[in-house]
Amino acid sequence: MENGQQLSTVTWHKASYSGSNGGQCVEVANLTALVAVRDSKYPEAGRVAVAPQAWGAFLHDLK
């Protein structure tokens, strides 16, 4: 929960490389001060929330 915001009510965005064939997919939600990440195939299995700077560094390292 971020400032009273339930993760179940935020808008999740699927990774652009995920496709629709059921492959390895992640979804991201931008919160007020965090970025939340979850597995699109198992959205209730758990979520990770990190600082935007950490998410940006992760994306930079992937490239």
C-alpha atoms as a PDB file:
ATOM      1  CA  MET A   1       0.000   0.000   0.000  1.00  0.00           C
ATOM      2  CA  GLU A   2       1.355   3.418  -0.968  1.00  0.00           C
ATOM      3  CA  ASN A   3      -0.241   6.414   0.789  1.00  0.00           C
ATOM      4  CA  GLY A   4      -3.416   4.399   1.247  1.00  0.00           C
ATOM      5  CA  GLN A   5      -3.392   3.270  -2.394  1.00  0.00           C
ATOM      6  CA  GLN A   6      -4.270  -0.419  -2.722  1.00  0.00           C
ATOM      7  CA  LEU A   7      -2.146  -2.248  -5.307  1.00  0.00           C
ATOM      8  CA  SER A   8      -5.289  -4.043  -6.476  1.00  0.00           C
ATOM      9  CA  THR A   9      -6.790  -0.726  -7.610  1.00  0.00           C
ATOM     10  CA  VAL A  10      -3.833   0.729  -9.531  1.00  0.00           C
ATOM     11  CA  THR A  11      -3.468   0.544 -13.306  1.00  0.00           C
ATOM     12  CA  TRP A  12      -0.987  -2.148 -14.301  1.00  0.00           C
ATOM     13  CA  HIS A  13       0.880  -2.011 -17.625  1.00  0.00           C
ATOM     14  CA  LYS A  14       2.203  -5.158 -19.307  1.00  0.00           C
ATOM     15  CA  ALA A  15       5.728  -5.081 -20.710  1.00  0.00           C
ATOM     16  CA  SER A  16       5.743  -4.233 -24.421  1.00  0.00           C
ATOM     17  CA  TYR A  17       7.842  -7.312 -25.226  1.00  0.00           C
ATOM     18  CA  SER A  18       5.429  -9.706 -23.498  1.00  0.00           C
ATOM     19  CA  GLY A  19       3.196 -10.445 -26.487  1.00  0.00           C
ATOM     20  CA  SER A  20       0.024 -12.464 -26.157  1.00  0.00           C
ATOM     21  CA  ASN A  21       1.408 -16.005 -26.307  1.00  0.00           C
ATOM     22  CA  GLY A  22       1.562 -16.517 -22.532  1.00  0.00           C
ATOM     23  CA  GLY A  23       5.332 -16.099 -22.268  1.00  0.00           C
ATOM     24  CA  GLN A  24       7.323 -14.574 -19.440  1.00  0.00           C
ATOM     25  CA  CYS A  25       5.440 -11.374 -18.607  1.00  0.00           C
ATOM     26  CA  VAL A  26       5.783  -8.606 -16.080  1.00  0.00           C
ATOM     27  CA  GLU A  27       3.444  -5.767 -15.286  1.00  0.00           C
ATOM     28  CA  VAL A  28       4.394  -2.407 -13.823  1.00  0.00           C
ATOM     29  CA  ALA A  29       2.313   0.160 -11.922  1.00  0.00           C
ATOM     30  CA  ASN A  30       3.504   3.694 -11.222  1.00  0.00           C
ATOM     31  CA  LEU A  31       2.597   4.719  -7.694  1.00  0.00           C
ATOM     32  CA  THR A  32       3.106   8.092  -6.065  1.00  0.00           C
ATOM     33  CA  ALA A  33       6.650   7.405  -4.850  1.00  0.00           C
ATOM     34  CA  LEU A  34       7.275   3.806  -5.960  1.00  0.00           C
ATOM     35  CA  VAL A  35       7.157   1.514  -8.975  1.00  0.00           C
ATOM     36  CA  ALA A  36       5.371  -1.793  -8.361  1.00  0.00           C
ATOM     37  CA  VAL A  37       6.187  -4.921 -10.376  1.00  0.00           C
ATOM     38  CA  ARG A  38       4.313  -8.234 -10.576  1.00  0.00           C
ATOM     39  CA  ASP A  39       4.118 -11.407 -12.672  1.00  0.00           C
ATOM     40  CA  SER A  40       1.200 -11.055 -15.086  1.00  0.00           C
ATOM     41  CA  LYS A  41       0.495 -14.802 -15.037  1.00  0.00           C
ATOM     42  CA  TYR A  42       0.223 -14.877 -11.222  1.00  0.00           C
ATOM     43  CA  PRO A  43      -0.777 -11.343 -10.171  1.00  0.00           C
ATOM     44  CA  GLU A  44      -1.809 -12.402  -6.661  1.00  0.00           C
ATOM     45  CA  ALA A  45       1.440 -14.299  -5.993  1.00  0.00           C
ATOM     46  CA  GLY A  46       3.234 -11.183  -4.856  1.00  0.00           C
ATOM     47  CA  ARG A  47       4.430  -7.767  -5.842  1.00  0.00           C
ATOM     48  CA  VAL A  48       7.661  -5.871  -5.455  1.00  0.00           C
ATOM     49  CA  ALA A  49       7.765  -2.102  -4.992  1.00  0.00           C
ATOM     50  CA  VAL A  50      10.975  -0.168  -5.582  1.00  0.00           C
ATOM     51  CA  ALA A  51      12.052   3.462  -5.812  1.00  0.00           C
ATOM     52  CA  PRO A  52      11.765   4.952  -9.321  1.00  0.00           C
ATOM     53  CA  GLN A  53      15.543   5.454  -9.383  1.00  0.00           C
ATOM     54  CA  ALA A  54      16.127   1.752  -8.696  1.00  0.00           C
ATOM     55  CA  TRP A  55      13.648   0.767 -11.438  1.00  0.00           C
ATOM     56  CA  GLY A  56      15.350   3.146 -13.877  1.00  0.00           C
ATOM     57  CA  ALA A  57      18.766   1.682 -13.035  1.00  0.00           C
ATOM     58  CA  PHE A  58      17.403  -1.843 -13.543  1.00  0.00           C
ATOM     59  CA  LEU A  59      15.981  -0.921 -16.969  1.00  0.00           C
ATOM     60  CA  HIS A  60      19.249   0.793 -17.915  1.00  0.00           C
ATOM     61  CA  ASP A  61      21.235  -2.335 -17.016  1.00  0.00           C
ATOM     62  CA  LEU A  62      18.908  -4.503 -19.115  1.00  0.00           C
ATOM     63  CA  LYS A  63      19.790  -2.504 -22.197  1.00  0.00           C
END
